[in-house]
Amino acid sequence: MPKKMGVNSKAEVARSRKNAAEAEQKDRQTREKEEQYWREAEGPKSKAAKKREEDAEKKAENAAKKAEAKRLAEEEERELEKALKKPDKKVSRVSAPVPKVTEAELIRRREEEQAALAKKAEESKKKQTRMAAEEEYERMVLVSNTNRDDSIIDARTVDEALAKMSVADNLPVDRHPEKRLKASFKAYEEVEMPRLKEEKPGLTHTQYKDLIWKMWKKSPDNPLNQNRIGIVENNEEAELYALNRLLLSEMQLVTGTRGRSHNGRKRGYVK
């Protein structure tokens, strides 16, 4: 058996309109012939009678046109409702074509996935390295030796005494710079992050953090670096102080007065 074709609703509506127009034209021609026959049978009429007949014909024609237009509109609406309620089975059976994936496309996708995984692993590794460096740095600066008195200097030469006394002389100014490290680093990061993003656009947030960390370790805003700067500035004064203390110790050894006062009592060592 031949397959049933789907009904074209638009073609059906157009065909219905054409048939209705042809039927209306035939009816009009039939009415005109009948009227012509009766006019000839009745004989000539007055102008008033003709005017009344023409008006009646126009009214009837307008009413017929309105009725036909209404009928066609209702029919078209019914056809549209049917088309919406009953979709074409033939069209519904035809699904959207599935795009074919070539072997080259599969290889490209696998390479992209592997590259994404490698990039993610590299970023994770850098993050772990940076966190380990931060933890190591904090451990170095935060862990203090409680078994040693920083006020006592043990040195054998002037240079050694100079180095140790320089550190000791700066400690009273800021004995615990590590307490200000985190706050100082946060302030430094807030200032440097916008500048780095403007100077070196396109980097990841982790890369910006790594750059800021490297800059921070050498920055004068780092409290630990501030102590080192103070050591260099006070280098000459510390050298004289160390030299005087060393000379005093040697003189006491020569004269035999180290450890005792003039009245013979034992006294403490010079610090």
C-alpha atoms as a PDB file:
ATOM      1  CA  MET A   1       0.000   0.000   0.000  1.00  0.00           C
ATOM      2  CA  PRO A   2       1.218   3.485  -0.723  1.00  0.00           C
ATOM      3  CA  LYS A   3       2.278   5.542   2.262  1.00  0.00           C
ATOM      4  CA  LYS A   4      -0.147   8.147   3.490  1.00  0.00           C
ATOM      5  CA  MET A   5       1.105  11.616   2.933  1.00  0.00           C
ATOM      6  CA  GLY A   6       0.689  14.284   5.564  1.00  0.00           C
ATOM      7  CA  VAL A   7      -2.033  16.894   5.085  1.00  0.00           C
ATOM      8  CA  ASN A   8      -0.808  20.360   4.231  1.00  0.00           C
ATOM      9  CA  SER A   9      -3.079  22.628   6.245  1.00  0.00           C
ATOM     10  CA  LYS A  10      -2.178  25.774   4.297  1.00  0.00           C
ATOM     11  CA  ALA A  11      -2.933  24.164   0.924  1.00  0.00           C
ATOM     12  CA  GLU A  12      -6.229  22.849   2.263  1.00  0.00           C
ATOM     13  CA  VAL A  13      -7.251  26.314   3.470  1.00  0.00           C
ATOM     14  CA  ALA A  14      -6.345  27.867   0.109  1.00  0.00           C
ATOM     15  CA  ARG A  15      -8.321  25.202  -1.747  1.00  0.00           C
ATOM     16  CA  SER A  16     -11.356  25.828   0.463  1.00  0.00           C
ATOM     17  CA  ARG A  17     -11.191  29.557  -0.206  1.00  0.00           C
ATOM     18  CA  LYS A  18     -10.987  28.997  -3.960  1.00  0.00           C
ATOM     19  CA  ASN A  19     -14.006  26.667  -3.945  1.00  0.00           C
ATOM     20  CA  ALA A  20     -16.001  29.126  -1.851  1.00  0.00           C
ATOM     21  CA  ALA A  21     -15.180  31.984  -4.229  1.00  0.00           C
ATOM     22  CA  GLU A  22     -16.210  29.925  -7.246  1.00  0.00           C
ATOM     23  CA  ALA A  23     -19.485  28.911  -5.592  1.00  0.00           C
ATOM     24  CA  GLU A  24     -20.206  32.527  -4.657  1.00  0.00           C
ATOM     25  CA  GLN A  25     -19.550  33.650  -8.222  1.00  0.00           C
ATOM     26  CA  LYS A  26     -21.917  30.998  -9.610  1.00  0.00           C
ATOM     27  CA  ASP A  27     -24.628  32.013  -7.121  1.00  0.00           C
ATOM     28  CA  ARG A  28     -24.229  35.647  -8.080  1.00  0.00           C
ATOM     29  CA  GLN A  29     -24.470  34.845 -11.771  1.00  0.00           C
ATOM     30  CA  THR A  30     -27.574  32.746 -11.154  1.00  0.00           C
ATOM     31  CA  ARG A  31     -29.214  35.548  -9.156  1.00  0.00           C
ATOM     32  CA  GLU A  32     -28.380  38.083 -11.835  1.00  0.00           C
ATOM     33  CA  LYS A  33     -29.944  35.902 -14.519  1.00  0.00           C
ATOM     34  CA  GLU A  34     -33.087  35.445 -12.428  1.00  0.00           C
ATOM     35  CA  GLU A  35     -33.336  39.164 -11.727  1.00  0.00           C
ATOM     36  CA  GLN A  36     -32.822  39.932 -15.384  1.00  0.00           C
ATOM     37  CA  TYR A  37     -35.614  37.545 -16.266  1.00  0.00           C
ATOM     38  CA  TRP A  38     -38.039  39.087 -13.779  1.00  0.00           C
ATOM     39  CA  ARG A  39     -37.130  42.596 -14.828  1.00  0.00           C
ATOM     40  CA  GLU A  40     -37.903  41.771 -18.407  1.00  0.00           C
ATOM     41  CA  ALA A  41     -41.167  40.142 -17.345  1.00  0.00           C
ATOM     42  CA  GLU A  42     -42.278  43.052 -15.177  1.00  0.00           C
ATOM     43  CA  GLY A  43     -41.342  45.726 -17.659  1.00  0.00           C
ATOM     44  CA  PRO A  44     -39.682  49.081 -16.955  1.00  0.00           C
ATOM     45  CA  LYS A  45     -39.654  50.319 -13.324  1.00  0.00           C
ATOM     46  CA  SER A  46     -39.443  53.704 -11.748  1.00  0.00           C
ATOM     47  CA  LYS A  47     -36.123  55.150 -10.527  1.00  0.00           C
ATOM     48  CA  ALA A  48     -37.196  54.803  -6.896  1.00  0.00           C
ATOM     49  CA  ALA A  49     -37.962  51.138  -7.314  1.00  0.00           C
ATOM     50  CA  LYS A  50     -34.638  50.535  -9.019  1.00  0.00           C
ATOM     51  CA  LYS A  51     -32.825  52.379  -6.212  1.00  0.00           C
ATOM     52  CA  ARG A  52     -34.515  50.220  -3.574  1.00  0.00           C
ATOM     53  CA  GLU A  53     -33.623  47.055  -5.401  1.00  0.00           C
ATOM     54  CA  GLU A  54     -29.984  48.091  -5.797  1.00  0.00           C
ATOM     55  CA  ASP A  55     -29.695  48.946  -2.108  1.00  0.00           C
ATOM     56  CA  ALA A  56     -31.214  45.624  -1.146  1.00  0.00           C
ATOM     57  CA  GLU A  57     -28.805  43.802  -3.441  1.00  0.00           C
ATOM     58  CA  LYS A  58     -25.806  45.612  -1.965  1.00  0.00           C
ATOM     59  CA  LYS A  59     -26.890  44.806   1.581  1.00  0.00           C
ATOM     60  CA  ALA A  60     -27.413  41.177   0.720  1.00  0.00           C
ATOM     61  CA  GLU A  61     -24.033  41.017  -1.016  1.00  0.00           C
ATOM     62  CA  ASN A  62     -22.232  42.613   1.945  1.00  0.00           C
ATOM     63  CA  ALA A  63     -23.941  40.247   4.367  1.00  0.00           C
ATOM     64  CA  ALA A  64     -22.941  37.285   2.222  1.00  0.00           C
ATOM     65  CA  LYS A  65     -19.319  38.463   2.110  1.00  0.00           C
ATOM     66  CA  LYS A  66     -19.192  38.887   5.891  1.00  0.00           C
ATOM     67  CA  ALA A  67     -20.699  35.462   6.454  1.00  0.00           C
ATOM     68  CA  GLU A  68     -18.242  33.877   4.035  1.00  0.00           C
ATOM     69  CA  ALA A  69     -15.264  35.622   5.654  1.00  0.00           C
ATOM     70  CA  LYS A  70     -16.417  34.476   9.083  1.00  0.00           C
ATOM     71  CA  ARG A  71     -16.842  30.908   7.858  1.00  0.00           C
ATOM     72  CA  LEU A  72     -13.370  30.861   6.299  1.00  0.00           C
ATOM     73  CA  ALA A  73     -11.782  32.293   9.453  1.00  0.00           C
ATOM     74  CA  GLU A  74     -13.454  29.660  11.627  1.00  0.00           C
ATOM     75  CA  GLU A  75     -12.400  26.916   9.244  1.00  0.00           C
ATOM     76  CA  GLU A  76      -8.806  28.134   9.226  1.00  0.00           C
ATOM     77  CA  GLU A  77      -8.781  28.275  13.020  1.00  0.00           C
ATOM     78  CA  ARG A  78     -10.067  24.684  13.222  1.00  0.00           C
ATOM     79  CA  GLU A  79      -7.364  23.532  10.812  1.00  0.00           C
ATOM     80  CA  LEU A  80      -4.672  25.185  12.901  1.00  0.00           C
ATOM     81  CA  GLU A  81      -5.989  23.581  16.081  1.00  0.00           C
ATOM     82  CA  LYS A  82      -5.909  20.173  14.413  1.00  0.00           C
ATOM     83  CA  ALA A  83      -2.370  20.739  13.240  1.00  0.00           C
ATOM     84  CA  LEU A  84      -1.285  21.621  16.784  1.00  0.00           C
ATOM     85  CA  LYS A  85      -3.082  18.722  18.422  1.00  0.00           C
ATOM     86  CA  LYS A  86      -1.997  16.064  15.922  1.00  0.00           C
ATOM     87  CA  PRO A  87       1.596  16.544  14.840  1.00  0.00           C
ATOM     88  CA  ASP A  88       2.695  14.855  11.697  1.00  0.00           C
ATOM     89  CA  LYS A  89       3.831  11.353  12.623  1.00  0.00           C
ATOM     90  CA  LYS A  90       6.150  11.202   9.667  1.00  0.00           C
ATOM     91  CA  VAL A  91       7.899  14.374  10.743  1.00  0.00           C
ATOM     92  CA  SER A  92       8.100  13.236  14.372  1.00  0.00           C
ATOM     93  CA  ARG A  93       9.722   9.968  13.344  1.00  0.00           C
ATOM     94  CA  VAL A  94      12.570  11.868  11.715  1.00  0.00           C
ATOM     95  CA  SER A  95      14.873  12.884  14.560  1.00  0.00           C
ATOM     96  CA  ALA A  96      17.570  15.504  14.424  1.00  0.00           C
ATOM     97  CA  PRO A  97      20.700  14.239  12.713  1.00  0.00           C
ATOM     98  CA  VAL A  98      23.461  13.231  15.109  1.00  0.00           C
ATOM     99  CA  PRO A  99      26.753  14.843  14.107  1.00  0.00           C
ATOM    100  CA  LYS A 100      29.471  12.344  13.343  1.00  0.00           C
ATOM    101  CA  VAL A 101      32.677  12.549  15.369  1.00  0.00           C
ATOM    102  CA  THR A 102      35.817  11.701  13.473  1.00  0.00           C
ATOM    103  CA  GLU A 103      38.855   9.999  14.942  1.00  0.00           C
ATOM    104  CA  ALA A 104      40.864  13.204  14.595  1.00  0.00           C
ATOM    105  CA  GLU A 105      38.219  15.039  16.606  1.00  0.00           C
ATOM    106  CA  LEU A 106      38.373  12.385  19.340  1.00  0.00           C
ATOM    107  CA  ILE A 107      42.171  12.644  19.470  1.00  0.00           C
ATOM    108  CA  ARG A 108      41.963  16.429  19.694  1.00  0.00           C
ATOM    109  CA  ARG A 109      39.474  16.234  22.552  1.00  0.00           C
ATOM    110  CA  ARG A 110      41.658  13.756  24.449  1.00  0.00           C
ATOM    111  CA  GLU A 111      44.690  16.004  24.004  1.00  0.00           C
ATOM    112  CA  GLU A 112      42.735  19.004  25.278  1.00  0.00           C
ATOM    113  CA  GLU A 113      41.578  17.041  28.331  1.00  0.00           C
ATOM    114  CA  GLN A 114      45.126  15.858  29.062  1.00  0.00           C
ATOM    115  CA  ALA A 115      46.471  19.400  28.675  1.00  0.00           C
ATOM    116  CA  ALA A 116      43.808  20.712  31.045  1.00  0.00           C
ATOM    117  CA  LEU A 117      44.657  18.030  33.622  1.00  0.00           C
ATOM    118  CA  ALA A 118      48.386  18.760  33.302  1.00  0.00           C
ATOM    119  CA  LYS A 119      47.787  22.474  33.732  1.00  0.00           C
ATOM    120  CA  LYS A 120      45.652  21.848  36.796  1.00  0.00           C
ATOM    121  CA  ALA A 121      48.305  19.567  38.288  1.00  0.00           C
ATOM    122  CA  GLU A 122      51.026  22.179  37.632  1.00  0.00           C
ATOM    123  CA  GLU A 123      48.982  24.897  39.318  1.00  0.00           C
ATOM    124  CA  SER A 124      48.348  22.607  42.295  1.00  0.00           C
ATOM    125  CA  LYS A 125      52.068  21.826  42.525  1.00  0.00           C
ATOM    126  CA  LYS A 126      52.994  25.524  42.436  1.00  0.00           C
ATOM    127  CA  LYS A 127      50.412  26.263  45.098  1.00  0.00           C
ATOM    128  CA  GLN A 128      51.784  23.521  47.357  1.00  0.00           C
ATOM    129  CA  THR A 129      55.350  24.771  46.793  1.00  0.00           C
ATOM    130  CA  ARG A 130      54.364  28.328  47.648  1.00  0.00           C
ATOM    131  CA  MET A 131      52.501  27.210  50.770  1.00  0.00           C
ATOM    132  CA  ALA A 132      55.495  25.111  51.852  1.00  0.00           C
ATOM    133  CA  ALA A 133      57.804  28.104  51.325  1.00  0.00           C
ATOM    134  CA  GLU A 134      55.502  30.321  53.376  1.00  0.00           C
ATOM    135  CA  GLU A 135      55.321  27.759  56.174  1.00  0.00           C
ATOM    136  CA  GLU A 136      59.106  27.339  56.155  1.00  0.00           C
ATOM    137  CA  TYR A 137      59.586  31.098  56.238  1.00  0.00           C
ATOM    138  CA  GLU A 138      57.187  31.502  59.142  1.00  0.00           C
ATOM    139  CA  ARG A 139      58.867  28.637  60.974  1.00  0.00           C
ATOM    140  CA  MET A 140      62.262  30.297  60.568  1.00  0.00           C
ATOM    141  CA  VAL A 141      61.140  33.681  61.830  1.00  0.00           C
ATOM    142  CA  LEU A 142      58.566  32.639  64.430  1.00  0.00           C
ATOM    143  CA  VAL A 143      60.429  29.848  66.259  1.00  0.00           C
ATOM    144  CA  SER A 144      62.766  31.403  68.812  1.00  0.00           C
ATOM    145  CA  ASN A 145      65.492  29.813  70.957  1.00  0.00           C
ATOM    146  CA  THR A 146      64.374  30.096  74.592  1.00  0.00           C
ATOM    147  CA  ASN A 147      67.550  28.430  75.946  1.00  0.00           C
ATOM    148  CA  ARG A 148      69.750  31.398  75.149  1.00  0.00           C
ATOM    149  CA  ASP A 149      69.971  34.856  76.687  1.00  0.00           C
ATOM    150  CA  ASP A 150      70.318  37.431  73.921  1.00  0.00           C
ATOM    151  CA  SER A 151      71.801  39.945  76.361  1.00  0.00           C
ATOM    152  CA  ILE A 152      75.065  37.901  76.699  1.00  0.00           C
ATOM    153  CA  ILE A 153      77.552  38.172  73.851  1.00  0.00           C
ATOM    154  CA  ASP A 154      80.072  35.383  73.315  1.00  0.00           C
ATOM    155  CA  ALA A 155      82.797  36.359  70.812  1.00  0.00           C
ATOM    156  CA  ARG A 156      86.516  35.684  70.197  1.00  0.00           C
ATOM    157  CA  THR A 157      87.314  38.424  67.678  1.00  0.00           C
ATOM    158  CA  VAL A 158      86.297  42.011  67.022  1.00  0.00           C
ATOM    159  CA  ASP A 159      84.435  41.106  63.834  1.00  0.00           C
ATOM    160  CA  GLU A 160      82.486  38.364  65.555  1.00  0.00           C
ATOM    161  CA  ALA A 161      81.628  40.638  68.462  1.00  0.00           C
ATOM    162  CA  LEU A 162      80.650  43.366  65.997  1.00  0.00           C
ATOM    163  CA  ALA A 163      78.215  41.119  64.161  1.00  0.00           C
ATOM    164  CA  LYS A 164      76.591  39.768  67.317  1.00  0.00           C
ATOM    165  CA  MET A 165      76.479  43.109  69.092  1.00  0.00           C
ATOM    166  CA  SER A 166      74.931  44.774  66.057  1.00  0.00           C
ATOM    167  CA  VAL A 167      72.039  42.368  66.222  1.00  0.00           C
ATOM    168  CA  ALA A 168      71.764  42.789  69.967  1.00  0.00           C
ATOM    169  CA  ASP A 169      71.755  46.576  69.748  1.00  0.00           C
ATOM    170  CA  ASN A 170      68.862  46.489  67.290  1.00  0.00           C
ATOM    171  CA  LEU A 171      66.700  44.045  69.210  1.00  0.00           C
ATOM    172  CA  PRO A 172      65.344  46.542  71.772  1.00  0.00           C
ATOM    173  CA  VAL A 173      63.991  48.632  68.888  1.00  0.00           C
ATOM    174  CA  ASP A 174      61.899  45.758  67.522  1.00  0.00           C
ATOM    175  CA  ARG A 175      62.430  42.468  69.375  1.00  0.00           C
ATOM    176  CA  HIS A 176      59.484  40.710  67.737  1.00  0.00           C
ATOM    177  CA  PRO A 177      59.146  41.765  64.098  1.00  0.00           C
ATOM    178  CA  GLU A 178      57.559  38.398  63.319  1.00  0.00           C
ATOM    179  CA  LYS A 179      54.411  39.579  65.083  1.00  0.00           C
ATOM    180  CA  ARG A 180      53.979  42.202  62.372  1.00  0.00           C
ATOM    181  CA  LEU A 181      54.793  39.900  59.435  1.00  0.00           C
ATOM    182  CA  LYS A 182      51.292  38.813  58.483  1.00  0.00           C
ATOM    183  CA  ALA A 183      49.744  42.257  58.770  1.00  0.00           C
ATOM    184  CA  SER A 184      52.631  43.854  56.881  1.00  0.00           C
ATOM    185  CA  PHE A 185      52.466  41.220  54.140  1.00  0.00           C
ATOM    186  CA  LYS A 186      48.712  41.734  53.686  1.00  0.00           C
ATOM    187  CA  ALA A 187      49.188  45.493  53.379  1.00  0.00           C
ATOM    188  CA  TYR A 188      52.063  44.981  50.938  1.00  0.00           C
ATOM    189  CA  GLU A 189      49.967  42.548  48.870  1.00  0.00           C
ATOM    190  CA  GLU A 190      47.028  44.979  48.649  1.00  0.00           C
ATOM    191  CA  VAL A 191      49.345  47.668  47.270  1.00  0.00           C
ATOM    192  CA  GLU A 192      51.370  45.517  44.859  1.00  0.00           C
ATOM    193  CA  MET A 193      48.599  43.312  43.426  1.00  0.00           C
ATOM    194  CA  PRO A 194      46.891  46.068  41.342  1.00  0.00           C
ATOM    195  CA  ARG A 195      50.260  47.321  40.115  1.00  0.00           C
ATOM    196  CA  LEU A 196      51.369  43.851  38.990  1.00  0.00           C
ATOM    197  CA  LYS A 197      48.035  43.211  37.250  1.00  0.00           C
ATOM    198  CA  GLU A 198      48.496  46.444  35.314  1.00  0.00           C
ATOM    199  CA  GLU A 199      52.171  45.850  34.459  1.00  0.00           C
ATOM    200  CA  LYS A 200      51.880  42.094  33.751  1.00  0.00           C
ATOM    201  CA  PRO A 201      48.341  41.310  32.612  1.00  0.00           C
ATOM    202  CA  GLY A 202      47.232  37.793  31.773  1.00  0.00           C
ATOM    203  CA  LEU A 203      48.792  35.927  34.731  1.00  0.00           C
ATOM    204  CA  THR A 204      46.863  33.733  37.124  1.00  0.00           C
ATOM    205  CA  HIS A 205      46.135  34.731  40.698  1.00  0.00           C
ATOM    206  CA  THR A 206      48.648  32.162  41.951  1.00  0.00           C
ATOM    207  CA  GLN A 207      51.396  33.588  39.724  1.00  0.00           C
ATOM    208  CA  TYR A 208      50.706  37.078  41.038  1.00  0.00           C
ATOM    209  CA  LYS A 209      50.917  35.754  44.611  1.00  0.00           C
ATOM    210  CA  ASP A 210      54.251  34.074  43.869  1.00  0.00           C
ATOM    211  CA  LEU A 211      55.707  37.287  42.436  1.00  0.00           C
ATOM    212  CA  ILE A 212      54.512  39.306  45.431  1.00  0.00           C
ATOM    213  CA  TRP A 213      56.019  36.734  47.820  1.00  0.00           C
ATOM    214  CA  LYS A 214      59.425  36.924  46.125  1.00  0.00           C
ATOM    215  CA  MET A 215      59.316  40.735  46.167  1.00  0.00           C
ATOM    216  CA  TRP A 216      58.211  40.723  49.812  1.00  0.00           C
ATOM    217  CA  LYS A 217      61.239  38.713  50.940  1.00  0.00           C
ATOM    218  CA  LYS A 218      63.525  41.482  49.595  1.00  0.00           C
ATOM    219  CA  SER A 219      61.284  44.466  50.296  1.00  0.00           C
ATOM    220  CA  PRO A 220      62.267  47.105  52.879  1.00  0.00           C
ATOM    221  CA  ASP A 221      58.643  46.948  54.067  1.00  0.00           C
ATOM    222  CA  ASN A 222      59.390  43.489  55.477  1.00  0.00           C
ATOM    223  CA  PRO A 223      59.951  43.932  59.251  1.00  0.00           C
ATOM    224  CA  LEU A 224      62.843  41.464  59.172  1.00  0.00           C
ATOM    225  CA  ASN A 225      64.558  43.462  56.452  1.00  0.00           C
ATOM    226  CA  GLN A 226      64.045  46.648  58.451  1.00  0.00           C
ATOM    227  CA  ASN A 227      66.148  45.185  61.272  1.00  0.00           C
ATOM    228  CA  ARG A 228      68.893  44.302  58.803  1.00  0.00           C
ATOM    229  CA  ILE A 229      68.853  47.860  57.452  1.00  0.00           C
ATOM    230  CA  GLY A 230      69.204  49.160  60.990  1.00  0.00           C
ATOM    231  CA  ILE A 231      72.213  46.885  61.503  1.00  0.00           C
ATOM    232  CA  VAL A 232      73.974  48.340  58.484  1.00  0.00           C
ATOM    233  CA  GLU A 233      73.211  51.928  59.512  1.00  0.00           C
ATOM    234  CA  ASN A 234      74.536  51.420  63.031  1.00  0.00           C
ATOM    235  CA  ASN A 235      77.571  49.441  61.888  1.00  0.00           C
ATOM    236  CA  GLU A 236      80.184  52.071  62.799  1.00  0.00           C
ATOM    237  CA  GLU A 237      78.748  52.703  66.249  1.00  0.00           C
ATOM    238  CA  ALA A 238      78.579  48.983  66.982  1.00  0.00           C
ATOM    239  CA  GLU A 239      82.170  48.503  65.818  1.00  0.00           C
ATOM    240  CA  LEU A 240      83.458  51.125  68.263  1.00  0.00           C
ATOM    241  CA  TYR A 241      81.374  49.652  71.057  1.00  0.00           C
ATOM    242  CA  ALA A 242      82.682  46.136  70.413  1.00  0.00           C
ATOM    243  CA  LEU A 243      86.264  47.349  70.199  1.00  0.00           C
ATOM    244  CA  ASN A 244      85.976  49.181  73.529  1.00  0.00           C
ATOM    245  CA  ARG A 245      84.533  46.139  75.255  1.00  0.00           C
ATOM    246  CA  LEU A 246      87.226  43.858  73.858  1.00  0.00           C
ATOM    247  CA  LEU A 247      90.010  46.274  74.916  1.00  0.00           C
ATOM    248  CA  LEU A 248      88.466  46.543  78.368  1.00  0.00           C
ATOM    249  CA  SER A 249      88.482  42.765  78.728  1.00  0.00           C
ATOM    250  CA  GLU A 250      92.148  42.531  77.661  1.00  0.00           C
ATOM    251  CA  MET A 251      93.157  45.287  80.109  1.00  0.00           C
ATOM    252  CA  GLN A 252      91.403  43.494  82.927  1.00  0.00           C
ATOM    253  CA  LEU A 253      93.246  40.295  82.090  1.00  0.00           C
ATOM    254  CA  VAL A 254      96.612  42.119  82.056  1.00  0.00           C
ATOM    255  CA  THR A 255      96.045  43.995  85.295  1.00  0.00           C
ATOM    256  CA  GLY A 256      94.342  41.075  87.018  1.00  0.00           C
ATOM    257  CA  THR A 257      91.313  43.147  87.952  1.00  0.00           C
ATOM    258  CA  ARG A 258      88.735  41.180  85.957  1.00  0.00           C
ATOM    259  CA  GLY A 259      86.076  39.700  88.161  1.00  0.00           C
ATOM    260  CA  ARG A 260      87.012  41.724  91.319  1.00  0.00           C
ATOM    261  CA  SER A 261      86.434  45.292  92.488  1.00  0.00           C
ATOM    262  CA  HIS A 262      88.922  47.560  94.275  1.00  0.00           C
ATOM    263  CA  ASN A 263      87.770  46.440  97.707  1.00  0.00           C
ATOM    264  CA  GLY A 264      88.468  42.806  96.854  1.00  0.00           C
ATOM    265  CA  ARG A 265      84.881  41.741  96.431  1.00  0.00           C
ATOM    266  CA  LYS A 266      83.877  39.633  93.443  1.00  0.00           C
ATOM    267  CA  ARG A 267      81.842  41.461  90.835  1.00  0.00           C
ATOM    268  CA  GLY A 268      79.994  40.423  87.708  1.00  0.00           C
ATOM    269  CA  TYR A 269      81.418  40.300  84.236  1.00  0.00           C
ATOM    270  CA  VAL A 270      81.121  43.280  82.008  1.00  0.00           C
ATOM    271  CA  LYS A 271      78.323  42.825  79.524  1.00  0.00           C
END
